PDB file of N, CA and C in Angstrom:
ATOM      1  N   MET A   1       9.276  -4.424  -9.829  1.00  0.00           N
ATOM      2  CA  MET A   1       8.633  -4.641  -8.546  1.00  0.00           C
ATOM      3  C   MET A   1       8.218  -3.302  -7.948  1.00  0.00           C
ATOM      4  N   LEU A   2       9.049  -2.264  -8.124  1.00  0.00           N
ATOM      5  CA  LEU A   2       8.691  -0.950  -7.592  1.00  0.00           C
ATOM      6  C   LEU A   2       7.444  -0.402  -8.267  1.00  0.00           C
ATOM      7  N   ALA A   3       7.294  -0.689  -9.566  1.00  0.00           N
ATOM      8  CA  ALA A   3       6.103  -0.217 -10.263  1.00  0.00           C
ATOM      9  C   ALA A   3       4.850  -0.858  -9.686  1.00  0.00           C
ATOM     10  N   VAL A   4       4.936  -2.156  -9.402  1.00  0.00           N
ATOM     11  CA  VAL A   4       3.791  -2.846  -8.809  1.00  0.00           C
ATOM     12  C   VAL A   4       3.494  -2.272  -7.436  1.00  0.00           C
ATOM     13  N   ALA A   5       4.547  -2.040  -6.644  1.00  0.00           N
ATOM     14  CA  ALA A   5       4.350  -1.470  -5.311  1.00  0.00           C
ATOM     15  C   ALA A   5       3.711  -0.092  -5.412  1.00  0.00           C
ATOM     16  N   GLY A   6       4.129   0.706  -6.392  1.00  0.00           N
ATOM     17  CA  GLY A   6       3.549   2.033  -6.582  1.00  0.00           C
ATOM     18  C   GLY A   6       2.078   1.961  -6.932  1.00  0.00           C
ATOM     19  N   ILE A   7       1.729   1.032  -7.814  1.00  0.00           N
ATOM     20  CA  ILE A   7       0.327   0.840  -8.171  1.00  0.00           C
ATOM     21  C   ILE A   7      -0.471   0.442  -6.944  1.00  0.00           C
ATOM     22  N   CYS A   8       0.114  -0.438  -6.152  1.00  0.00           N
ATOM     23  CA  CYS A   8      -0.585  -0.897  -4.946  1.00  0.00           C
ATOM     24  C   CYS A   8      -0.787   0.234  -3.960  1.00  0.00           C
ATOM     25  N   LEU A   9       0.209   1.115  -3.848  1.00  0.00           N
ATOM     26  CA  LEU A   9       0.070   2.243  -2.932  1.00  0.00           C
ATOM     27  C   LEU A   9      -1.078   3.144  -3.349  1.00  0.00           C
ATOM     28  N   ILE A  10      -1.201   3.350  -4.633  1.00  0.00           N
ATOM     29  CA  ILE A  10      -2.285   4.185  -5.137  1.00  0.00           C
ATOM     30  C   ILE A  10      -3.618   3.467  -4.981  1.00  0.00           C
ATOM     31  N   SER A  11      -3.630   2.173  -5.274  1.00  0.00           N
ATOM     32  CA  SER A  11      -4.870   1.408  -5.271  1.00  0.00           C
ATOM     33  C   SER A  11      -5.350   1.007  -3.898  1.00  0.00           C
ATOM     34  N   ALA A  12      -4.420   0.857  -2.954  1.00  0.00           N
ATOM     35  CA  ALA A  12      -4.804   0.302  -1.653  1.00  0.00           C
ATOM     36  C   ALA A  12      -4.192   1.094  -0.520  1.00  0.00           C
ATOM     37  N   SER A  13      -4.884   2.131  -0.090  1.00  0.00           N
ATOM     38  CA  SER A  13      -4.331   2.939   0.998  1.00  0.00           C
ATOM     39  C   SER A  13      -4.373   2.187   2.317  1.00  0.00           C
ATOM     40  N   THR A  14      -5.294   1.278   2.455  1.00  0.00           N
ATOM     41  CA  THR A  14      -5.318   0.389   3.618  1.00  0.00           C
ATOM     42  C   THR A  14      -5.732  -0.984   3.149  1.00  0.00           C
ATOM     43  N   ILE A  15      -5.475  -1.971   3.981  1.00  0.00           N
ATOM     44  CA  ILE A  15      -5.840  -3.336   3.597  1.00  0.00           C
ATOM     45  C   ILE A  15      -7.338  -3.465   3.388  1.00  0.00           C
ATOM     46  N   GLY A  16      -8.131  -2.772   4.167  1.00  0.00           N
ATOM     47  CA  GLY A  16      -9.577  -2.837   4.018  1.00  0.00           C
ATOM     48  C   GLY A  16     -10.064  -2.133   2.769  1.00  0.00           C
ATOM     49  N   ALA A  17      -9.337  -1.121   2.328  1.00  0.00           N
ATOM     50  CA  ALA A  17      -9.764  -0.360   1.159  1.00  0.00           C
ATOM     51  C   ALA A  17      -9.342  -1.006  -0.142  1.00  0.00           C
ATOM     52  N   ALA A  18      -8.593  -2.079  -0.075  1.00  0.00           N
ATOM     53  CA  ALA A  18      -8.074  -2.702  -1.287  1.00  0.00           C
ATOM     54  C   ALA A  18      -9.056  -3.694  -1.893  1.00  0.00           C
ATOM     55  N   GLN A  19     -10.313  -3.538  -1.635  1.00  0.00           N
ATOM     56  CA  GLN A  19     -11.326  -4.404  -2.207  1.00  0.00           C
ATOM     57  C   GLN A  19     -11.469  -4.085  -3.694  1.00  0.00           C
ATOM     58  N   SER A  20     -11.674  -5.122  -4.498  1.00  0.00           N
ATOM     59  CA  SER A  20     -11.783  -4.921  -5.936  1.00  0.00           C
ATOM     60  C   SER A  20     -12.973  -4.039  -6.299  1.00  0.00           C
ATOM     61  N   SER A  21     -13.978  -3.973  -5.442  1.00  0.00           N
ATOM     62  CA  SER A  21     -15.143  -3.153  -5.747  1.00  0.00           C
ATOM     63  C   SER A  21     -14.881  -1.663  -5.524  1.00  0.00           C
ATOM     64  N   THR A  22     -13.812  -1.313  -4.809  1.00  0.00           N
ATOM     65  CA  THR A  22     -13.544   0.092  -4.528  1.00  0.00           C
ATOM     66  C   THR A  22     -12.218   0.571  -5.094  1.00  0.00           C
ATOM     67  N   ALA A  23     -11.423  -0.316  -5.645  1.00  0.00           N
ATOM     68  CA  ALA A  23     -10.120   0.066  -6.176  1.00  0.00           C
ATOM     69  C   ALA A  23      -9.936  -0.555  -7.549  1.00  0.00           C
ATOM     70  N   LYS A  24      -9.225   0.141  -8.402  1.00  0.00           N
ATOM     71  CA  LYS A  24      -8.939  -0.371  -9.738  1.00  0.00           C
ATOM     72  C   LYS A  24      -7.668  -1.205  -9.662  1.00  0.00           C
ATOM     73  N   ILE A  25      -7.824  -2.510  -9.638  1.00  0.00           N
ATOM     74  CA  ILE A  25      -6.705  -3.437  -9.588  1.00  0.00           C
ATOM     75  C   ILE A  25      -6.278  -3.713 -11.022  1.00  0.00           C
ATOM     76  N   VAL A  26      -4.973  -3.694 -11.273  1.00  0.00           N
ATOM     77  CA  VAL A  26      -4.466  -3.916 -12.627  1.00  0.00           C
ATOM     78  C   VAL A  26      -3.426  -5.026 -12.626  1.00  0.00           C
ATOM     79  N   GLY A  27      -3.136  -5.524 -13.813  1.00  0.00           N
ATOM     80  CA  GLY A  27      -2.137  -6.573 -13.966  1.00  0.00           C
ATOM     81  C   GLY A  27      -2.775  -7.947 -13.936  1.00  0.00           C
ATOM     82  N   ILE A  28      -1.935  -8.962 -13.964  1.00  0.00           N
ATOM     83  CA  ILE A  28      -2.421 -10.341 -13.987  1.00  0.00           C
ATOM     84  C   ILE A  28      -3.273 -10.649 -12.764  1.00  0.00           C
ATOM     85  N   GLY A  29      -3.010  -9.973 -11.673  1.00  0.00           N
ATOM     86  CA  GLY A  29      -3.753 -10.195 -10.443  1.00  0.00           C
ATOM     87  C   GLY A  29      -5.163  -9.647 -10.455  1.00  0.00           C
ATOM     88  N   ALA A  30      -5.546  -8.954 -11.511  1.00  0.00           N
ATOM     89  CA  ALA A  30      -6.909  -8.439 -11.623  1.00  0.00           C
ATOM     90  C   ALA A  30      -7.893  -9.539 -12.022  1.00  0.00           C
ATOM     91  N   ALA A  31      -7.389 -10.745 -12.199  1.00  0.00           N
ATOM     92  CA  ALA A  31      -8.220 -11.882 -12.598  1.00  0.00           C
ATOM     93  C   ALA A  31      -9.158 -12.307 -11.474  1.00  0.00           C
ATOM     94  N   THR A  32     -10.197 -12.999 -11.853  1.00  0.00           N
ATOM     95  CA  THR A  32     -11.050 -13.633 -10.851  1.00  0.00           C
ATOM     96  C   THR A  32     -10.363 -14.902 -10.363  1.00  0.00           C
ATOM     97  N   CYS A  33     -10.836 -15.434  -9.269  1.00  0.00           N
ATOM     98  CA  CYS A  33     -10.292 -16.706  -8.781  1.00  0.00           C
ATOM     99  C   CYS A  33     -10.506 -17.814  -9.810  1.00  0.00           C
ATOM    100  N   THR A  34     -11.658 -17.813 -10.456  1.00  0.00           N
ATOM    101  CA  THR A  34     -11.925 -18.821 -11.483  1.00  0.00           C
ATOM    102  C   THR A  34     -10.908 -18.718 -12.607  1.00  0.00           C
ATOM    103  N   ASP A  35     -10.633 -17.493 -13.070  1.00  0.00           N
ATOM    104  CA  ASP A  35      -9.637 -17.298 -14.127  1.00  0.00           C
ATOM    105  C   ASP A  35      -8.252 -17.750 -13.670  1.00  0.00           C
ATOM    106  N   PHE A  36      -7.887 -17.394 -12.444  1.00  0.00           N
ATOM    107  CA  PHE A  36      -6.598 -17.809 -11.882  1.00  0.00           C
ATOM    108  C   PHE A  36      -6.473 -19.323 -11.910  1.00  0.00           C
ATOM    109  N   LEU A  37      -7.467 -20.020 -11.388  1.00  0.00           N
ATOM    110  CA  LEU A  37      -7.414 -21.482 -11.334  1.00  0.00           C
ATOM    111  C   LEU A  37      -7.380 -22.094 -12.728  1.00  0.00           C
ATOM    112  N   ASP A  38      -8.165 -21.549 -13.650  1.00  0.00           N
ATOM    113  CA  ASP A  38      -8.155 -22.047 -15.027  1.00  0.00           C
ATOM    114  C   ASP A  38      -6.800 -21.808 -15.686  1.00  0.00           C
ATOM    115  N   ASN A  39      -6.246 -20.611 -15.489  1.00  0.00           N
ATOM    116  CA  ASN A  39      -4.960 -20.271 -16.109  1.00  0.00           C
ATOM    117  C   ASN A  39      -3.828 -21.149 -15.606  1.00  0.00           C
ATOM    118  N   ILE A  40      -3.761 -21.365 -14.292  1.00  0.00           N
ATOM    119  CA  ILE A  40      -2.653 -22.170 -13.771  1.00  0.00           C
ATOM    120  C   ILE A  40      -2.832 -23.644 -14.101  1.00  0.00           C
ATOM    121  N   ASP A  41      -4.081 -24.068 -14.333  1.00  0.00           N
ATOM    122  CA  ASP A  41      -4.325 -25.447 -14.749  1.00  0.00           C
ATOM    123  C   ASP A  41      -3.874 -25.651 -16.191  1.00  0.00           C
ATOM    124  N   LYS A  42      -4.205 -24.691 -17.061  1.00  0.00           N
ATOM    125  CA  LYS A  42      -3.853 -24.792 -18.481  1.00  0.00           C
ATOM    126  C   LYS A  42      -2.377 -24.525 -18.729  1.00  0.00           C
ATOM    127  N   THR A  43      -1.821 -23.557 -17.994  1.00  0.00           N
ATOM    128  CA  THR A  43      -0.429 -23.151 -18.194  1.00  0.00           C
ATOM    129  C   THR A  43       0.236 -23.007 -16.828  1.00  0.00           C
ATOM    130  N   PRO A  44       0.723 -24.110 -16.267  1.00  0.00           N
ATOM    131  CA  PRO A  44       1.273 -24.081 -14.905  1.00  0.00           C
ATOM    132  C   PRO A  44       2.370 -23.038 -14.673  1.00  0.00           C
ATOM    133  N   VAL A  45       3.133 -22.706 -15.704  1.00  0.00           N
ATOM    134  CA  VAL A  45       4.210 -21.729 -15.525  1.00  0.00           C
ATOM    135  C   VAL A  45       3.674 -20.358 -15.116  1.00  0.00           C
ATOM    136  N   THR A  46       2.395 -20.082 -15.381  1.00  0.00           N
ATOM    137  CA  THR A  46       1.833 -18.781 -15.002  1.00  0.00           C
ATOM    138  C   THR A  46       1.696 -18.625 -13.490  1.00  0.00           C
ATOM    139  N   GLN A  47       1.812 -19.734 -12.755  1.00  0.00           N
ATOM    140  CA  GLN A  47       1.784 -19.639 -11.291  1.00  0.00           C
ATOM    141  C   GLN A  47       2.854 -18.672 -10.798  1.00  0.00           C
ATOM    142  N   ARG A  48       4.008 -18.707 -11.450  1.00  0.00           N
ATOM    143  CA  ARG A  48       5.113 -17.813 -11.085  1.00  0.00           C
ATOM    144  C   ARG A  48       4.693 -16.358 -11.256  1.00  0.00           C
ATOM    145  N   ASP A  49       3.994 -16.062 -12.327  1.00  0.00           N
ATOM    146  CA  ASP A  49       3.556 -14.691 -12.590  1.00  0.00           C
ATOM    147  C   ASP A  49       2.536 -14.222 -11.550  1.00  0.00           C
ATOM    148  N   TYR A  50       1.586 -15.086 -11.245  1.00  0.00           N
ATOM    149  CA  TYR A  50       0.593 -14.740 -10.227  1.00  0.00           C
ATOM    150  C   TYR A  50       1.248 -14.541  -8.866  1.00  0.00           C
ATOM    151  N   LEU A  51       2.191 -15.405  -8.534  1.00  0.00           N
ATOM    152  CA  LEU A  51       2.858 -15.293  -7.241  1.00  0.00           C
ATOM    153  C   LEU A  51       3.698 -14.018  -7.168  1.00  0.00           C
ATOM    154  N   ALA A  52       4.375 -13.679  -8.256  1.00  0.00           N
ATOM    155  CA  ALA A  52       5.151 -12.433  -8.283  1.00  0.00           C
ATOM    156  C   ALA A  52       4.219 -11.235  -8.114  1.00  0.00           C
ATOM    157  N   TRP A  53       3.072 -11.268  -8.778  1.00  0.00           N
ATOM    158  CA  TRP A  53       2.107 -10.177  -8.628  1.00  0.00           C
ATOM    159  C   TRP A  53       1.633 -10.109  -7.182  1.00  0.00           C
ATOM    160  N   ALA A  54       1.331 -11.264  -6.595  1.00  0.00           N
ATOM    161  CA  ALA A  54       0.852 -11.304  -5.209  1.00  0.00           C
ATOM    162  C   ALA A  54       1.891 -10.725  -4.257  1.00  0.00           C
ATOM    163  N   GLN A  55       3.157 -11.067  -4.441  1.00  0.00           N
ATOM    164  CA  GLN A  55       4.211 -10.541  -3.581  1.00  0.00           C
ATOM    165  C   GLN A  55       4.317  -9.023  -3.729  1.00  0.00           C
ATOM    166  N   GLY A  56       4.213  -8.533  -4.945  1.00  0.00           N
ATOM    167  CA  GLY A  56       4.249  -7.086  -5.162  1.00  0.00           C
ATOM    168  C   GLY A  56       3.046  -6.386  -4.554  1.00  0.00           C
ATOM    169  N   PHE A  57       1.877  -6.991  -4.701  1.00  0.00           N
ATOM    170  CA  PHE A  57       0.659  -6.411  -4.138  1.00  0.00           C
ATOM    171  C   PHE A  57       0.745  -6.353  -2.618  1.00  0.00           C
ATOM    172  N   MET A  58       1.185  -7.460  -2.005  1.00  0.00           N
ATOM    173  CA  MET A  58       1.316  -7.470  -0.544  1.00  0.00           C
ATOM    174  C   MET A  58       2.385  -6.482  -0.087  1.00  0.00           C
ATOM    175  N   SER A  59       3.445  -6.345  -0.856  1.00  0.00           N
ATOM    176  CA  SER A  59       4.478  -5.361  -0.509  1.00  0.00           C
ATOM    177  C   SER A  59       3.902  -3.954  -0.549  1.00  0.00           C
ATOM    178  N   GLY A  60       3.064  -3.683  -1.542  1.00  0.00           N
ATOM    179  CA  GLY A  60       2.413  -2.381  -1.628  1.00  0.00           C
ATOM    180  C   GLY A  60       1.493  -2.123  -0.449  1.00  0.00           C
ATOM    181  N   VAL A  61       0.743  -3.141  -0.050  1.00  0.00           N
ATOM    182  CA  VAL A  61      -0.119  -3.005   1.129  1.00  0.00           C
ATOM    183  C   VAL A  61       0.740  -2.736   2.354  1.00  0.00           C
ATOM    184  N   LEU A  62       1.818  -3.487   2.500  1.00  0.00           N
ATOM    185  CA  LEU A  62       2.715  -3.319   3.647  1.00  0.00           C
ATOM    186  C   LEU A  62       3.301  -1.906   3.688  1.00  0.00           C
ATOM    187  N   LEU A  63       3.725  -1.404   2.541  1.00  0.00           N
ATOM    188  CA  LEU A  63       4.293  -0.054   2.471  1.00  0.00           C
ATOM    189  C   LEU A  63       3.259   1.026   2.774  1.00  0.00           C
ATOM    190  N   SER A  64       1.999   0.730   2.532  1.00  0.00           N
ATOM    191  CA  SER A  64       0.955   1.736   2.749  1.00  0.00           C
ATOM    192  C   SER A  64       0.453   1.775   4.192  1.00  0.00           C
ATOM    193  N   ARG A  65       0.878   0.833   5.004  1.00  0.00           N
ATOM    194  CA  ARG A  65       0.429   0.778   6.394  1.00  0.00           C
ATOM    195  C   ARG A  65       1.014   1.944   7.182  1.00  0.00           C
ATOM    196  N   PRO A  66       0.294   2.430   8.176  1.00  0.00           N
ATOM    197  CA  PRO A  66       0.809   3.513   9.022  1.00  0.00           C
ATOM    198  C   PRO A  66       2.094   3.087   9.744  1.00  0.00           C
ATOM    199  N   ALA A  67       2.835   4.074  10.194  1.00  0.00           N
ATOM    200  CA  ALA A  67       4.082   3.808  10.916  1.00  0.00           C
ATOM    201  C   ALA A  67       3.836   2.830  12.061  1.00  0.00           C
ATOM    202  N   ARG A  68       4.743   1.907  12.215  1.00  0.00           N
ATOM    203  CA  ARG A  68       4.741   0.893  13.272  1.00  0.00           C
ATOM    204  C   ARG A  68       3.626  -0.150  13.153  1.00  0.00           C
ATOM    205  N   VAL A  69       2.824  -0.097  12.120  1.00  0.00           N
ATOM    206  CA  VAL A  69       1.811  -1.128  11.888  1.00  0.00           C
ATOM    207  C   VAL A  69       2.401  -2.123  10.892  1.00  0.00           C
ATOM    208  N   ASP A  70       2.417  -3.357  11.262  1.00  0.00           N
ATOM    209  CA  ASP A  70       3.008  -4.421  10.439  1.00  0.00           C
ATOM    210  C   ASP A  70       4.491  -4.186  10.176  1.00  0.00           C
ATOM    211  N   GLN A  71       5.132  -3.433  11.050  1.00  0.00           N
ATOM    212  CA  GLN A  71       6.523  -3.015  10.856  1.00  0.00           C
ATOM    213  C   GLN A  71       7.472  -4.188  10.623  1.00  0.00           C
ATOM    214  N   ASN A  72       7.327  -5.264  11.368  1.00  0.00           N
ATOM    215  CA  ASN A  72       8.231  -6.405  11.240  1.00  0.00           C
ATOM    216  C   ASN A  72       7.595  -7.587  10.516  1.00  0.00           C
ATOM    217  N   LEU A  73       6.551  -7.334   9.774  1.00  0.00           N
ATOM    218  CA  LEU A  73       5.873  -8.412   9.064  1.00  0.00           C
ATOM    219  C   LEU A  73       6.770  -8.965   7.963  1.00  0.00           C
ATOM    220  N   ASP A  74       7.007 -10.259   8.002  1.00  0.00           N
ATOM    221  CA  ASP A  74       7.822 -10.942   6.996  1.00  0.00           C
ATOM    222  C   ASP A  74       6.866 -11.596   6.005  1.00  0.00           C
ATOM    223  N   LEU A  75       6.881 -11.133   4.773  1.00  0.00           N
ATOM    224  CA  LEU A  75       5.974 -11.660   3.762  1.00  0.00           C
ATOM    225  C   LEU A  75       6.444 -12.987   3.180  1.00  0.00           C
ATOM    226  N   LYS A  76       7.654 -13.397   3.520  1.00  0.00           N
ATOM    227  CA  LYS A  76       8.171 -14.676   3.021  1.00  0.00           C
ATOM    228  C   LYS A  76       8.976 -15.372   4.112  1.00  0.00           C
ATOM    229  N   PRO A  77       8.328 -15.720   5.214  1.00  0.00           N
ATOM    230  CA  PRO A  77       9.055 -16.390   6.291  1.00  0.00           C
ATOM    231  C   PRO A  77       9.443 -17.811   5.887  1.00  0.00           C
ATOM    232  N   ALA A  78      10.492 -18.319   6.494  1.00  0.00           N
ATOM    233  CA  ALA A  78      10.986 -19.659   6.163  1.00  0.00           C
ATOM    234  C   ALA A  78       9.904 -20.720   6.340  1.00  0.00           C
ATOM    235  N   GLU A  79       9.079 -20.573   7.368  1.00  0.00           N
ATOM    236  CA  GLU A  79       8.064 -21.591   7.639  1.00  0.00           C
ATOM    237  C   GLU A  79       6.837 -21.485   6.731  1.00  0.00           C
ATOM    238  N   PHE A  80       6.742 -20.427   5.950  1.00  0.00           N
ATOM    239  CA  PHE A  80       5.609 -20.251   5.037  1.00  0.00           C
ATOM    240  C   PHE A  80       6.130 -19.624   3.750  1.00  0.00           C
ATOM    241  N   GLY A  81       6.957 -20.393   3.058  1.00  0.00           N
ATOM    242  CA  GLY A  81       7.620 -19.916   1.847  1.00  0.00           C
ATOM    243  C   GLY A  81       6.672 -19.754   0.668  1.00  0.00           C
ATOM    244  N   LEU A  82       7.255 -19.485  -0.472  1.00  0.00           N
ATOM    245  CA  LEU A  82       6.467 -19.168  -1.658  1.00  0.00           C
ATOM    246  C   LEU A  82       5.571 -20.314  -2.111  1.00  0.00           C
ATOM    247  N   LEU A  83       6.063 -21.545  -2.035  1.00  0.00           N
ATOM    248  CA  LEU A  83       5.221 -22.669  -2.459  1.00  0.00           C
ATOM    249  C   LEU A  83       4.007 -22.832  -1.551  1.00  0.00           C
ATOM    250  N   LYS A  84       4.193 -22.645  -0.262  1.00  0.00           N
ATOM    251  CA  LYS A  84       3.063 -22.711   0.668  1.00  0.00           C
ATOM    252  C   LYS A  84       2.108 -21.548   0.432  1.00  0.00           C
ATOM    253  N   GLN A  85       2.650 -20.388   0.104  1.00  0.00           N
ATOM    254  CA  GLN A  85       1.791 -19.238  -0.186  1.00  0.00           C
ATOM    255  C   GLN A  85       0.975 -19.486  -1.453  1.00  0.00           C
ATOM    256  N   LEU A  86       1.613 -20.067  -2.452  1.00  0.00           N
ATOM    257  CA  LEU A  86       0.899 -20.390  -3.686  1.00  0.00           C
ATOM    258  C   LEU A  86      -0.217 -21.395  -3.408  1.00  0.00           C
ATOM    259  N   GLU A  87       0.062 -22.377  -2.583  1.00  0.00           N
ATOM    260  CA  GLU A  87      -0.962 -23.356  -2.220  1.00  0.00           C
ATOM    261  C   GLU A  87      -2.110 -22.684  -1.459  1.00  0.00           C
ATOM    262  N   PHE A  88      -1.792 -21.743  -0.577  1.00  0.00           N
ATOM    263  CA  PHE A  88      -2.826 -20.983   0.131  1.00  0.00           C
ATOM    264  C   PHE A  88      -3.727 -20.271  -0.882  1.00  0.00           C
ATOM    265  N   LEU A  89      -3.119 -19.607  -1.871  1.00  0.00           N
ATOM    266  CA  LEU A  89      -3.890 -18.878  -2.879  1.00  0.00           C
ATOM    267  C   LEU A  89      -4.776 -19.829  -3.679  1.00  0.00           C
ATOM    268  N   ARG A  90      -4.220 -20.980  -4.066  1.00  0.00           N
ATOM    269  CA  ARG A  90      -5.005 -21.977  -4.797  1.00  0.00           C
ATOM    270  C   ARG A  90      -6.213 -22.435  -3.974  1.00  0.00           C
ATOM    271  N   GLN A  91      -5.964 -22.790  -2.725  1.00  0.00           N
ATOM    272  CA  GLN A  91      -7.046 -23.293  -1.875  1.00  0.00           C
ATOM    273  C   GLN A  91      -8.095 -22.216  -1.604  1.00  0.00           C
ATOM    274  N   TRP A  92      -7.641 -20.991  -1.350  1.00  0.00           N
ATOM    275  CA  TRP A  92      -8.580 -19.908  -1.078  1.00  0.00           C
ATOM    276  C   TRP A  92      -9.456 -19.668  -2.297  1.00  0.00           C
ATOM    277  N   CYS A  93      -8.838 -19.631  -3.463  1.00  0.00           N
ATOM    278  CA  CYS A  93      -9.613 -19.393  -4.689  1.00  0.00           C
ATOM    279  C   CYS A  93     -10.545 -20.561  -4.999  1.00  0.00           C
ATOM    280  N   ALA A  94     -10.114 -21.783  -4.731  1.00  0.00           N
ATOM    281  CA  ALA A  94     -10.986 -22.939  -4.962  1.00  0.00           C
ATOM    282  C   ALA A  94     -12.231 -22.863  -4.079  1.00  0.00           C
ATOM    283  N   ALA A  95     -12.077 -22.331  -2.889  1.00  0.00           N
ATOM    284  CA  ALA A  95     -13.203 -22.202  -1.958  1.00  0.00           C
ATOM    285  C   ALA A  95     -14.021 -20.938  -2.197  1.00  0.00           C
ATOM    286  N   ASN A  96     -13.478 -20.005  -2.986  1.00  0.00           N
ATOM    287  CA  ASN A  96     -14.124 -18.692  -3.204  1.00  0.00           C
ATOM    288  C   ASN A  96     -14.044 -18.309  -4.678  1.00  0.00           C
ATOM    289  N   ARG A  97     -14.486 -19.185  -5.550  1.00  0.00           N
ATOM    290  CA  ARG A  97     -14.307 -19.007  -6.996  1.00  0.00           C
ATOM    291  C   ARG A  97     -14.922 -17.715  -7.538  1.00  0.00           C
ATOM    292  N   SER A  98     -15.943 -17.201  -6.897  1.00  0.00           N
ATOM    293  CA  SER A  98     -16.589 -15.985  -7.400  1.00  0.00           C
ATOM    294  C   SER A  98     -15.843 -14.717  -6.989  1.00  0.00           C
ATOM    295  N   GLN A  99     -14.853 -14.850  -6.142  1.00  0.00           N
ATOM    296  CA  GLN A  99     -14.077 -13.696  -5.679  1.00  0.00           C
ATOM    297  C   GLN A  99     -12.941 -13.390  -6.654  1.00  0.00           C
ATOM    298  N   ASP A 100     -12.280 -12.282  -6.421  1.00  0.00           N
ATOM    299  CA  ASP A 100     -11.139 -11.894  -7.240  1.00  0.00           C
ATOM    300  C   ASP A 100      -9.844 -12.443  -6.657  1.00  0.00           C
ATOM    301  N   PHE A 101      -8.857 -12.644  -7.531  1.00  0.00           N
ATOM    302  CA  PHE A 101      -7.550 -13.111  -7.078  1.00  0.00           C
ATOM    303  C   PHE A 101      -6.961 -12.139  -6.064  1.00  0.00           C
ATOM    304  N   SER A 102      -7.181 -10.846  -6.252  1.00  0.00           N
ATOM    305  CA  SER A 102      -6.660  -9.861  -5.294  1.00  0.00           C
ATOM    306  C   SER A 102      -7.257 -10.076  -3.903  1.00  0.00           C
ATOM    307  N   ASP A 103      -8.491 -10.562  -3.831  1.00  0.00           N
ATOM    308  CA  ASP A 103      -9.089 -10.883  -2.533  1.00  0.00           C
ATOM    309  C   ASP A 103      -8.354 -12.048  -1.873  1.00  0.00           C
ATOM    310  N   ALA A 104      -7.931 -13.008  -2.686  1.00  0.00           N
ATOM    311  CA  ALA A 104      -7.143 -14.132  -2.164  1.00  0.00           C
ATOM    312  C   ALA A 104      -5.814 -13.633  -1.616  1.00  0.00           C
ATOM    313  N   VAL A 105      -5.211 -12.686  -2.321  1.00  0.00           N
ATOM    314  CA  VAL A 105      -3.928 -12.133  -1.871  1.00  0.00           C
ATOM    315  C   VAL A 105      -4.112 -11.366  -0.563  1.00  0.00           C
ATOM    316  N   LEU A 106      -5.190 -10.620  -0.444  1.00  0.00           N
ATOM    317  CA  LEU A 106      -5.462  -9.923   0.817  1.00  0.00           C
ATOM    318  C   LEU A 106      -5.702 -10.914   1.956  1.00  0.00           C
ATOM    319  N   ALA A 107      -6.352 -12.027   1.652  1.00  0.00           N
ATOM    320  CA  ALA A 107      -6.543 -13.068   2.668  1.00  0.00           C
ATOM    321  C   ALA A 107      -5.196 -13.647   3.089  1.00  0.00           C
ATOM    322  N   LEU A 108      -4.297 -13.811   2.135  1.00  0.00           N
ATOM    323  CA  LEU A 108      -2.948 -14.293   2.448  1.00  0.00           C
ATOM    324  C   LEU A 108      -2.214 -13.283   3.324  1.00  0.00           C
ATOM    325  N   TYR A 109      -2.333 -12.005   2.993  1.00  0.00           N
ATOM    326  CA  TYR A 109      -1.699 -10.956   3.800  1.00  0.00           C
ATOM    327  C   TYR A 109      -2.229 -11.001   5.236  1.00  0.00           C
ATOM    328  N   LYS A 110      -3.534 -11.100   5.366  1.00  0.00           N
ATOM    329  CA  LYS A 110      -4.135 -11.167   6.705  1.00  0.00           C
ATOM    330  C   LYS A 110      -3.666 -12.416   7.446  1.00  0.00           C
ATOM    331  N   ASN A 111      -3.531 -13.517   6.733  1.00  0.00           N
ATOM    332  CA  ASN A 111      -3.010 -14.751   7.324  1.00  0.00           C
ATOM    333  C   ASN A 111      -1.597 -14.541   7.845  1.00  0.00           C
ATOM    334  N   ARG A 112      -0.779 -13.858   7.084  1.00  0.00           N
ATOM    335  CA  ARG A 112       0.606 -13.591   7.506  1.00  0.00           C
ATOM    336  C   ARG A 112       0.613 -12.698   8.740  1.00  0.00           C
ATOM    337  N   ARG A 113      -0.284 -11.728   8.796  1.00  0.00           N
ATOM    338  CA  ARG A 113      -0.369 -10.847   9.975  1.00  0.00           C
ATOM    339  C   ARG A 113      -0.706 -11.655  11.219  1.00  0.00           C
ATOM    340  N   ILE A 114      -1.684 -12.522  11.110  1.00  0.00           N
ATOM    341  CA  ILE A 114      -2.126 -13.317  12.259  1.00  0.00           C
ATOM    342  C   ILE A 114      -1.039 -14.279  12.719  1.00  0.00           C
ATOM    343  N   HIS A 115      -0.393 -14.943  11.774  1.00  0.00           N
ATOM    344  CA  HIS A 115       0.567 -15.988  12.122  1.00  0.00           C
ATOM    345  C   HIS A 115       1.985 -15.487  12.348  1.00  0.00           C
ATOM    346  N   SER A 116       2.218 -14.215  12.204  1.00  0.00           N
ATOM    347  CA  SER A 116       3.576 -13.705  12.438  1.00  0.00           C
ATOM    348  C   SER A 116       3.670 -12.896  13.724  1.00  0.00           C
ATOM    349  N   ARG A 117       2.576 -12.833  14.452  1.00  0.00           N
ATOM    350  CA  ARG A 117       2.606 -12.089  15.724  1.00  0.00           C
ATOM    351  C   ARG A 117       3.426 -12.864  16.743  1.00  0.00           C
ATOM    352  N   PRO A 118       4.235 -12.125  17.531  1.00  0.00           N
ATOM    353  CA  PRO A 118       5.085 -12.793  18.538  1.00  0.00           C
ATOM    354  C   PRO A 118       4.283 -13.443  19.643  1.00  0.00           C
TER     355      PRO A 118
END
């Protein structure tokens, strides 16, 4: 997990800079949304791998944020657990098939920021 976070720190200095067109995204999460949806349809167990990558990527984004920005952001709150996050990624990719899976993960991160504000 630390290796993924390290890659994310190098690849994504800010959430806005983590676009696939400006950063070299690596790992299973470098797939397109179409590839993600096809892979999880053919081999459902790979959902776990994509979700683990997404959690590591979001952790890397969180670690790269400036001091006091997103400081108390919970990436796995009880009300929006891993299964709900996976469903968010599936739905986002289904609606944005031409985008990259990493874009779906960034959308999930932004969703967590919006919905975790006090």
